[in-house]
């Protein structure tokens, strides 16, 4: 695993023939400017344990959708992988932007490990609200984070299995939620999410149809050179 990551920069052109792989410095893509001071916040419920276990609640900032004209619209869902539920959210441009030119959607992978995706909501809101080219955005809480299930067995959280979850989630979004309807998608990984993105591409590109047919670029933002560094 370690030597694969050390050679990632040299291999990216080989690993990704059709799309491109790029790196940004921490903070290079800022979403703070997109925060809406009039946003309504709500309390999310976090599910822990196995898929049938009771849920507990936690407070997580989230933009309330559908109540304000012109706001992006969120659609939430769950998919069961490895016997546990992973929560995901699709943020699409508001109906007021339906006549704007359509651009390829973006799948956003959050940092961590163990950090939920809600800190990236303003970023996906901004992408879905850009005049002249709004984008549909997809994100999900990785296993053990946010609104997804939290297995107690640490063996469920290896980089290899997390990458497989990502590949399976991408395929689910393609099959059920139109990820490839515009002709492809971009993959954006922030911090630890960049490790997940790179490992997913390196390990599952040839065996995951939506990656092979639809991935147009991958951006790794503020990402460590090895998943082991992110786990320290």
C-alpha atoms as a PDB file:
ATOM      1  CA  UNK A   1       0.000   0.000   0.000  1.00  0.00           C
ATOM      2  CA  UNK A   2       2.715   2.513   1.004  1.00  0.00           C
ATOM      3  CA  UNK A   3       4.736   2.214  -2.205  1.00  0.00           C
ATOM      4  CA  UNK A   4       1.546   2.636  -4.235  1.00  0.00           C
ATOM      5  CA  UNK A   5       0.906   5.962  -2.558  1.00  0.00           C
ATOM      6  CA  UNK A   6       4.466   7.166  -2.965  1.00  0.00           C
ATOM      7  CA  UNK A   7       4.186   6.551  -6.692  1.00  0.00           C
ATOM      8  CA  UNK A   8       0.684   7.951  -7.046  1.00  0.00           C
ATOM      9  CA  UNK A   9       1.787  11.196  -8.658  1.00  0.00           C
ATOM     10  CA  UNK A  10       3.770   9.366 -11.317  1.00  0.00           C
ATOM     11  CA  UNK A  11       1.059   6.777 -11.921  1.00  0.00           C
ATOM     12  CA  UNK A  12      -1.967   9.028 -12.159  1.00  0.00           C
ATOM     13  CA  UNK A  13      -1.727   9.430 -15.925  1.00  0.00           C
ATOM     14  CA  UNK A  14      -1.659   5.656 -16.303  1.00  0.00           C
ATOM     15  CA  UNK A  15      -4.346   4.976 -13.733  1.00  0.00           C
ATOM     16  CA  UNK A  16      -6.686   7.520 -15.269  1.00  0.00           C
ATOM     17  CA  UNK A  17      -6.406   7.548 -19.058  1.00  0.00           C
ATOM     18  CA  UNK A  18      -9.624   9.436 -19.924  1.00  0.00           C
ATOM     19  CA  UNK A  19     -10.034  11.786 -16.919  1.00  0.00           C
ATOM     20  CA  UNK A  20      -7.452  13.877 -15.115  1.00  0.00           C
ATOM     21  CA  UNK A  21      -6.149  13.867 -11.559  1.00  0.00           C
ATOM     22  CA  UNK A  22      -5.232  17.119  -9.868  1.00  0.00           C
ATOM     23  CA  UNK A  23      -4.113  18.270  -6.443  1.00  0.00           C
ATOM     24  CA  UNK A  24      -4.958  21.457  -4.556  1.00  0.00           C
ATOM     25  CA  UNK A  25      -3.401  22.945  -1.445  1.00  0.00           C
ATOM     26  CA  UNK A  26      -5.415  22.998   1.797  1.00  0.00           C
ATOM     27  CA  UNK A  27      -8.020  25.740   1.576  1.00  0.00           C
ATOM     28  CA  UNK A  28      -7.525  26.269  -2.139  1.00  0.00           C
ATOM     29  CA  UNK A  29     -11.218  25.681  -2.699  1.00  0.00           C
ATOM     30  CA  UNK A  30     -13.014  27.720  -0.082  1.00  0.00           C
ATOM     31  CA  UNK A  31     -16.697  27.335   0.671  1.00  0.00           C
ATOM     32  CA  UNK A  32     -16.955  29.750   3.608  1.00  0.00           C
ATOM     33  CA  UNK A  33     -18.161  32.542   1.357  1.00  0.00           C
ATOM     34  CA  UNK A  34     -21.161  30.462   0.356  1.00  0.00           C
ATOM     35  CA  UNK A  35     -22.668  30.212   3.837  1.00  0.00           C
ATOM     36  CA  UNK A  36     -26.159  31.614   3.992  1.00  0.00           C
ATOM     37  CA  UNK A  37     -26.846  33.574   7.202  1.00  0.00           C
ATOM     38  CA  UNK A  38     -30.590  33.038   6.758  1.00  0.00           C
ATOM     39  CA  UNK A  39     -30.252  29.254   6.646  1.00  0.00           C
ATOM     40  CA  UNK A  40     -32.473  27.256   8.955  1.00  0.00           C
ATOM     41  CA  UNK A  41     -30.703  24.567  11.000  1.00  0.00           C
ATOM     42  CA  UNK A  42     -32.136  21.270  12.142  1.00  0.00           C
ATOM     43  CA  UNK A  43     -31.146  18.294  14.269  1.00  0.00           C
ATOM     44  CA  UNK A  44     -30.052  15.149  12.487  1.00  0.00           C
ATOM     45  CA  UNK A  45     -30.468  11.650  13.864  1.00  0.00           C
ATOM     46  CA  UNK A  46     -27.395   9.475  13.844  1.00  0.00           C
ATOM     47  CA  UNK A  47     -27.766   5.708  13.570  1.00  0.00           C
ATOM     48  CA  UNK A  48     -25.187   3.586  15.384  1.00  0.00           C
ATOM     49  CA  UNK A  49     -24.522  -0.117  15.725  1.00  0.00           C
ATOM     50  CA  UNK A  50     -25.896  -2.539  13.174  1.00  0.00           C
ATOM     51  CA  UNK A  51     -28.640  -1.782  10.717  1.00  0.00           C
ATOM     52  CA  UNK A  52     -31.359  -2.822  13.165  1.00  0.00           C
ATOM     53  CA  UNK A  53     -30.060  -1.010  16.230  1.00  0.00           C
ATOM     54  CA  UNK A  54     -31.768   2.031  17.783  1.00  0.00           C
ATOM     55  CA  UNK A  55     -30.663   5.468  16.673  1.00  0.00           C
ATOM     56  CA  UNK A  56     -29.352   8.312  18.788  1.00  0.00           C
ATOM     57  CA  UNK A  57     -29.532  11.981  17.920  1.00  0.00           C
ATOM     58  CA  UNK A  58     -26.832  14.570  17.553  1.00  0.00           C
ATOM     59  CA  UNK A  59     -26.863  18.184  16.476  1.00  0.00           C
ATOM     60  CA  UNK A  60     -25.497  18.778  13.007  1.00  0.00           C
ATOM     61  CA  UNK A  61     -25.906  22.000  10.992  1.00  0.00           C
ATOM     62  CA  UNK A  62     -27.790  21.399   7.778  1.00  0.00           C
ATOM     63  CA  UNK A  63     -29.490  23.731   5.335  1.00  0.00           C
ATOM     64  CA  UNK A  64     -33.250  23.253   5.273  1.00  0.00           C
ATOM     65  CA  UNK A  65     -34.376  22.740   1.708  1.00  0.00           C
ATOM     66  CA  UNK A  66     -37.579  23.443  -0.151  1.00  0.00           C
ATOM     67  CA  UNK A  67     -38.749  26.345   2.025  1.00  0.00           C
ATOM     68  CA  UNK A  68     -36.919  29.199   0.323  1.00  0.00           C
ATOM     69  CA  UNK A  69     -37.341  30.028  -3.345  1.00  0.00           C
ATOM     70  CA  UNK A  70     -34.082  29.762  -5.263  1.00  0.00           C
ATOM     71  CA  UNK A  71     -32.350  27.539  -2.715  1.00  0.00           C
ATOM     72  CA  UNK A  72     -30.772  24.250  -3.821  1.00  0.00           C
ATOM     73  CA  UNK A  73     -32.919  21.204  -3.123  1.00  0.00           C
ATOM     74  CA  UNK A  74     -31.693  18.199  -1.099  1.00  0.00           C
ATOM     75  CA  UNK A  75     -32.839  14.632  -1.631  1.00  0.00           C
ATOM     76  CA  UNK A  76     -31.674  12.114   0.983  1.00  0.00           C
ATOM     77  CA  UNK A  77     -31.437   8.324   0.879  1.00  0.00           C
ATOM     78  CA  UNK A  78     -29.721   5.244   2.273  1.00  0.00           C
ATOM     79  CA  UNK A  79     -28.047   2.216   0.734  1.00  0.00           C
ATOM     80  CA  UNK A  80     -27.020  -0.968   2.547  1.00  0.00           C
ATOM     81  CA  UNK A  81     -23.406  -2.029   2.024  1.00  0.00           C
ATOM     82  CA  UNK A  82     -21.731  -4.860   3.927  1.00  0.00           C
ATOM     83  CA  UNK A  83     -24.880  -5.169   6.047  1.00  0.00           C
ATOM     84  CA  UNK A  84     -24.864  -1.539   7.232  1.00  0.00           C
ATOM     85  CA  UNK A  85     -26.663   1.551   6.001  1.00  0.00           C
ATOM     86  CA  UNK A  86     -24.809   4.470   4.441  1.00  0.00           C
ATOM     87  CA  UNK A  87     -26.633   7.788   4.236  1.00  0.00           C
ATOM     88  CA  UNK A  88     -26.266  10.024   1.172  1.00  0.00           C
ATOM     89  CA  UNK A  89     -27.573  13.332  -0.092  1.00  0.00           C
ATOM     90  CA  UNK A  90     -28.150  14.654  -3.604  1.00  0.00           C
ATOM     91  CA  UNK A  91     -28.159  18.451  -3.901  1.00  0.00           C
ATOM     92  CA  UNK A  92     -29.651  19.718  -7.124  1.00  0.00           C
ATOM     93  CA  UNK A  93     -30.029  23.290  -8.402  1.00  0.00           C
ATOM     94  CA  UNK A  94     -33.297  25.031  -7.678  1.00  0.00           C
ATOM     95  CA  UNK A  95     -36.028  25.174 -10.291  1.00  0.00           C
ATOM     96  CA  UNK A  96     -35.195  28.850 -10.800  1.00  0.00           C
ATOM     97  CA  UNK A  97     -31.922  27.715 -12.456  1.00  0.00           C
ATOM     98  CA  UNK A  98     -33.465  25.012 -14.635  1.00  0.00           C
ATOM     99  CA  UNK A  99     -32.815  27.036 -17.800  1.00  0.00           C
ATOM    100  CA  UNK A 100     -29.110  27.505 -16.989  1.00  0.00           C
ATOM    101  CA  UNK A 101     -26.568  25.406 -18.925  1.00  0.00           C
ATOM    102  CA  UNK A 102     -26.093  21.991 -17.340  1.00  0.00           C
ATOM    103  CA  UNK A 103     -22.620  21.017 -16.128  1.00  0.00           C
ATOM    104  CA  UNK A 104     -21.239  17.683 -14.996  1.00  0.00           C
ATOM    105  CA  UNK A 105     -22.131  16.771 -11.404  1.00  0.00           C
ATOM    106  CA  UNK A 106     -19.613  16.493  -8.578  1.00  0.00           C
ATOM    107  CA  UNK A 107     -19.313  13.694  -6.013  1.00  0.00           C
ATOM    108  CA  UNK A 108     -17.785  15.071  -2.801  1.00  0.00           C
ATOM    109  CA  UNK A 109     -15.917  12.825  -0.334  1.00  0.00           C
ATOM    110  CA  UNK A 110     -15.537  14.234   3.170  1.00  0.00           C
ATOM    111  CA  UNK A 111     -12.477  14.222   5.408  1.00  0.00           C
ATOM    112  CA  UNK A 112     -11.821  12.362   8.615  1.00  0.00           C
ATOM    113  CA  UNK A 113     -11.731   9.557   9.310  1.00  0.00           C
ATOM    114  CA  UNK A 114     -14.699   9.810  11.658  1.00  0.00           C
ATOM    115  CA  UNK A 115     -15.860  13.278  10.574  1.00  0.00           C
ATOM    116  CA  UNK A 116     -19.375  13.629   9.072  1.00  0.00           C
ATOM    117  CA  UNK A 117     -19.985  15.371   5.780  1.00  0.00           C
ATOM    118  CA  UNK A 118     -22.049  18.287   7.077  1.00  0.00           C
ATOM    119  CA  UNK A 119     -19.135  20.767   7.077  1.00  0.00           C
ATOM    120  CA  UNK A 120     -19.161  20.467   3.267  1.00  0.00           C
ATOM    121  CA  UNK A 121     -22.824  21.422   2.823  1.00  0.00           C
ATOM    122  CA  UNK A 122     -22.012  25.093   2.054  1.00  0.00           C
ATOM    123  CA  UNK A 123     -19.537  23.897  -0.593  1.00  0.00           C
ATOM    124  CA  UNK A 124     -22.113  21.714  -2.363  1.00  0.00           C
ATOM    125  CA  UNK A 125     -24.689  24.496  -2.010  1.00  0.00           C
ATOM    126  CA  UNK A 126     -22.308  26.884  -3.754  1.00  0.00           C
ATOM    127  CA  UNK A 127     -21.677  24.462  -6.624  1.00  0.00           C
ATOM    128  CA  UNK A 128     -25.419  23.958  -7.063  1.00  0.00           C
ATOM    129  CA  UNK A 129     -26.068  27.717  -7.118  1.00  0.00           C
ATOM    130  CA  UNK A 130     -23.448  29.049  -9.549  1.00  0.00           C
ATOM    131  CA  UNK A 131     -25.197  31.293 -12.112  1.00  0.00           C
ATOM    132  CA  UNK A 132     -24.441  30.231 -15.655  1.00  0.00           C
ATOM    133  CA  UNK A 133     -23.464  26.685 -14.707  1.00  0.00           C
ATOM    134  CA  UNK A 134     -24.868  25.117 -11.533  1.00  0.00           C
ATOM    135  CA  UNK A 135     -23.922  21.527 -10.788  1.00  0.00           C
ATOM    136  CA  UNK A 136     -25.767  18.703  -9.108  1.00  0.00           C
ATOM    137  CA  UNK A 137     -23.743  17.439  -6.127  1.00  0.00           C
ATOM    138  CA  UNK A 138     -23.620  14.095  -4.371  1.00  0.00           C
ATOM    139  CA  UNK A 139     -22.115  13.357  -0.978  1.00  0.00           C
ATOM    140  CA  UNK A 140     -22.449  10.674   1.668  1.00  0.00           C
ATOM    141  CA  UNK A 141     -21.395   9.910   5.224  1.00  0.00           C
ATOM    142  CA  UNK A 142     -18.748   7.195   5.242  1.00  0.00           C
ATOM    143  CA  UNK A 143     -19.357   4.194   7.486  1.00  0.00           C
ATOM    144  CA  UNK A 144     -19.056   5.214  11.137  1.00  0.00           C
ATOM    145  CA  UNK A 145     -19.732   8.893  10.397  1.00  0.00           C
ATOM    146  CA  UNK A 146     -22.712  11.220  10.686  1.00  0.00           C
ATOM    147  CA  UNK A 147     -26.002   9.611   9.687  1.00  0.00           C
ATOM    148  CA  UNK A 148     -24.506   6.324   8.512  1.00  0.00           C
ATOM    149  CA  UNK A 149     -24.311   3.187  10.646  1.00  0.00           C
ATOM    150  CA  UNK A 150     -21.363   2.765  12.997  1.00  0.00           C
ATOM    151  CA  UNK A 151     -20.104  -0.831  13.304  1.00  0.00           C
ATOM    152  CA  UNK A 152     -18.220  -1.513  16.507  1.00  0.00           C
ATOM    153  CA  UNK A 153     -15.729  -3.791  14.735  1.00  0.00           C
ATOM    154  CA  UNK A 154     -12.706  -1.672  13.733  1.00  0.00           C
ATOM    155  CA  UNK A 155     -12.066  -4.115  10.892  1.00  0.00           C
ATOM    156  CA  UNK A 156     -14.834  -2.371   8.945  1.00  0.00           C
ATOM    157  CA  UNK A 157     -12.797   0.827   8.646  1.00  0.00           C
ATOM    158  CA  UNK A 158      -9.705  -0.177   6.652  1.00  0.00           C
ATOM    159  CA  UNK A 159      -8.723   2.037   3.684  1.00  0.00           C
ATOM    160  CA  UNK A 160      -9.329  -0.900   1.321  1.00  0.00           C
ATOM    161  CA  UNK A 161     -12.871  -1.478   2.558  1.00  0.00           C
ATOM    162  CA  UNK A 162     -13.642   2.237   2.666  1.00  0.00           C
ATOM    163  CA  UNK A 163     -12.562   2.492  -0.989  1.00  0.00           C
ATOM    164  CA  UNK A 164     -14.785  -0.465  -1.893  1.00  0.00           C
ATOM    165  CA  UNK A 165     -17.705   1.250  -0.153  1.00  0.00           C
ATOM    166  CA  UNK A 166     -16.996   4.355  -2.234  1.00  0.00           C
ATOM    167  CA  UNK A 167     -16.965   2.392  -5.494  1.00  0.00           C
ATOM    168  CA  UNK A 168     -20.226   0.667  -4.569  1.00  0.00           C
ATOM    169  CA  UNK A 169     -21.814   3.972  -3.560  1.00  0.00           C
ATOM    170  CA  UNK A 170     -20.799   5.583  -6.850  1.00  0.00           C
ATOM    171  CA  UNK A 171     -22.341   2.708  -8.771  1.00  0.00           C
ATOM    172  CA  UNK A 172     -25.551   2.991  -6.730  1.00  0.00           C
ATOM    173  CA  UNK A 173     -25.744   6.724  -7.465  1.00  0.00           C
ATOM    174  CA  UNK A 174     -25.228   6.002 -11.154  1.00  0.00           C
ATOM    175  CA  UNK A 175     -27.857   3.256 -11.254  1.00  0.00           C
ATOM    176  CA  UNK A 176     -30.492   4.951  -9.096  1.00  0.00           C
ATOM    177  CA  UNK A 177     -29.859   8.709  -9.042  1.00  0.00           C
ATOM    178  CA  UNK A 178     -28.658   9.766 -12.480  1.00  0.00           C
ATOM    179  CA  UNK A 179     -24.968  10.301 -11.729  1.00  0.00           C
ATOM    180  CA  UNK A 180     -24.083   9.692 -15.393  1.00  0.00           C
ATOM    181  CA  UNK A 181     -27.110  11.400 -16.957  1.00  0.00           C
ATOM    182  CA  UNK A 182     -25.034  14.405 -18.026  1.00  0.00           C
ATOM    183  CA  UNK A 183     -22.308  12.266 -19.567  1.00  0.00           C
ATOM    184  CA  UNK A 184     -19.960  11.811 -16.604  1.00  0.00           C
ATOM    185  CA  UNK A 185     -18.971  13.252 -13.248  1.00  0.00           C
ATOM    186  CA  UNK A 186     -16.105  14.792 -11.290  1.00  0.00           C
ATOM    187  CA  UNK A 187     -14.788  13.327  -8.017  1.00  0.00           C
ATOM    188  CA  UNK A 188     -13.635  15.731  -5.279  1.00  0.00           C
ATOM    189  CA  UNK A 189     -11.909  14.380  -2.156  1.00  0.00           C
ATOM    190  CA  UNK A 190     -11.153  16.695   0.760  1.00  0.00           C
ATOM    191  CA  UNK A 191      -8.339  15.654   3.143  1.00  0.00           C
ATOM    192  CA  UNK A 192      -8.983  11.985   4.053  1.00  0.00           C
ATOM    193  CA  UNK A 193     -11.627  11.989   1.316  1.00  0.00           C
ATOM    194  CA  UNK A 194      -8.798  12.459  -1.187  1.00  0.00           C
ATOM    195  CA  UNK A 195      -7.170   9.267   0.119  1.00  0.00           C
ATOM    196  CA  UNK A 196     -10.473   7.469  -0.380  1.00  0.00           C
ATOM    197  CA  UNK A 197     -10.854   8.902  -3.877  1.00  0.00           C
ATOM    198  CA  UNK A 198      -7.354   7.908  -4.972  1.00  0.00           C
ATOM    199  CA  UNK A 199      -7.574   4.403  -3.504  1.00  0.00           C
ATOM    200  CA  UNK A 200     -10.995   3.918  -5.098  1.00  0.00           C
ATOM    201  CA  UNK A 201      -9.643   4.869  -8.514  1.00  0.00           C
ATOM    202  CA  UNK A 202      -6.452   2.832  -8.220  1.00  0.00           C
ATOM    203  CA  UNK A 203      -8.218  -0.287  -6.946  1.00  0.00           C
ATOM    204  CA  UNK A 204     -11.657  -0.216  -8.576  1.00  0.00           C
ATOM    205  CA  UNK A 205     -11.422   1.808 -11.782  1.00  0.00           C
ATOM    206  CA  UNK A 206     -11.497  -1.194 -14.126  1.00  0.00           C
ATOM    207  CA  UNK A 207     -14.159  -3.123 -12.199  1.00  0.00           C
ATOM    208  CA  UNK A 208     -16.675  -0.352 -11.503  1.00  0.00           C
ATOM    209  CA  UNK A 209     -18.625   0.584 -14.665  1.00  0.00           C
ATOM    210  CA  UNK A 210     -19.534   4.115 -13.585  1.00  0.00           C
ATOM    211  CA  UNK A 211     -15.868   4.923 -12.877  1.00  0.00           C
ATOM    212  CA  UNK A 212     -14.605   3.501 -16.139  1.00  0.00           C
ATOM    213  CA  UNK A 213     -17.381   5.056 -18.215  1.00  0.00           C
ATOM    214  CA  UNK A 214     -18.085   8.287 -16.363  1.00  0.00           C
ATOM    215  CA  UNK A 215     -15.170   9.645 -14.306  1.00  0.00           C
ATOM    216  CA  UNK A 216     -13.893  12.823 -15.959  1.00  0.00           C
ATOM    217  CA  UNK A 217     -11.571  14.195 -13.269  1.00  0.00           C
ATOM    218  CA  UNK A 218     -10.486  13.700  -9.667  1.00  0.00           C
ATOM    219  CA  UNK A 219      -9.427  16.532  -7.369  1.00  0.00           C
ATOM    220  CA  UNK A 220      -7.544  15.779  -4.142  1.00  0.00           C
ATOM    221  CA  UNK A 221      -7.705  18.793  -1.824  1.00  0.00           C
ATOM    222  CA  UNK A 222      -5.436  19.026   1.216  1.00  0.00           C
ATOM    223  CA  UNK A 223      -4.844  15.274   1.010  1.00  0.00           C
ATOM    224  CA  UNK A 224      -1.970  13.490   2.821  1.00  0.00           C
ATOM    225  CA  UNK A 225       0.418  11.383   0.770  1.00  0.00           C
ATOM    226  CA  UNK A 226      -0.706   8.179   2.497  1.00  0.00           C
ATOM    227  CA  UNK A 227      -3.900   7.066   4.255  1.00  0.00           C
ATOM    228  CA  UNK A 228      -1.705   5.937   7.149  1.00  0.00           C
ATOM    229  CA  UNK A 229      -0.674   9.571   7.727  1.00  0.00           C
ATOM    230  CA  UNK A 230      -4.341  10.552   7.893  1.00  0.00           C
ATOM    231  CA  UNK A 231      -4.949   7.885  10.528  1.00  0.00           C
ATOM    232  CA  UNK A 232      -2.136   9.079  12.815  1.00  0.00           C
END
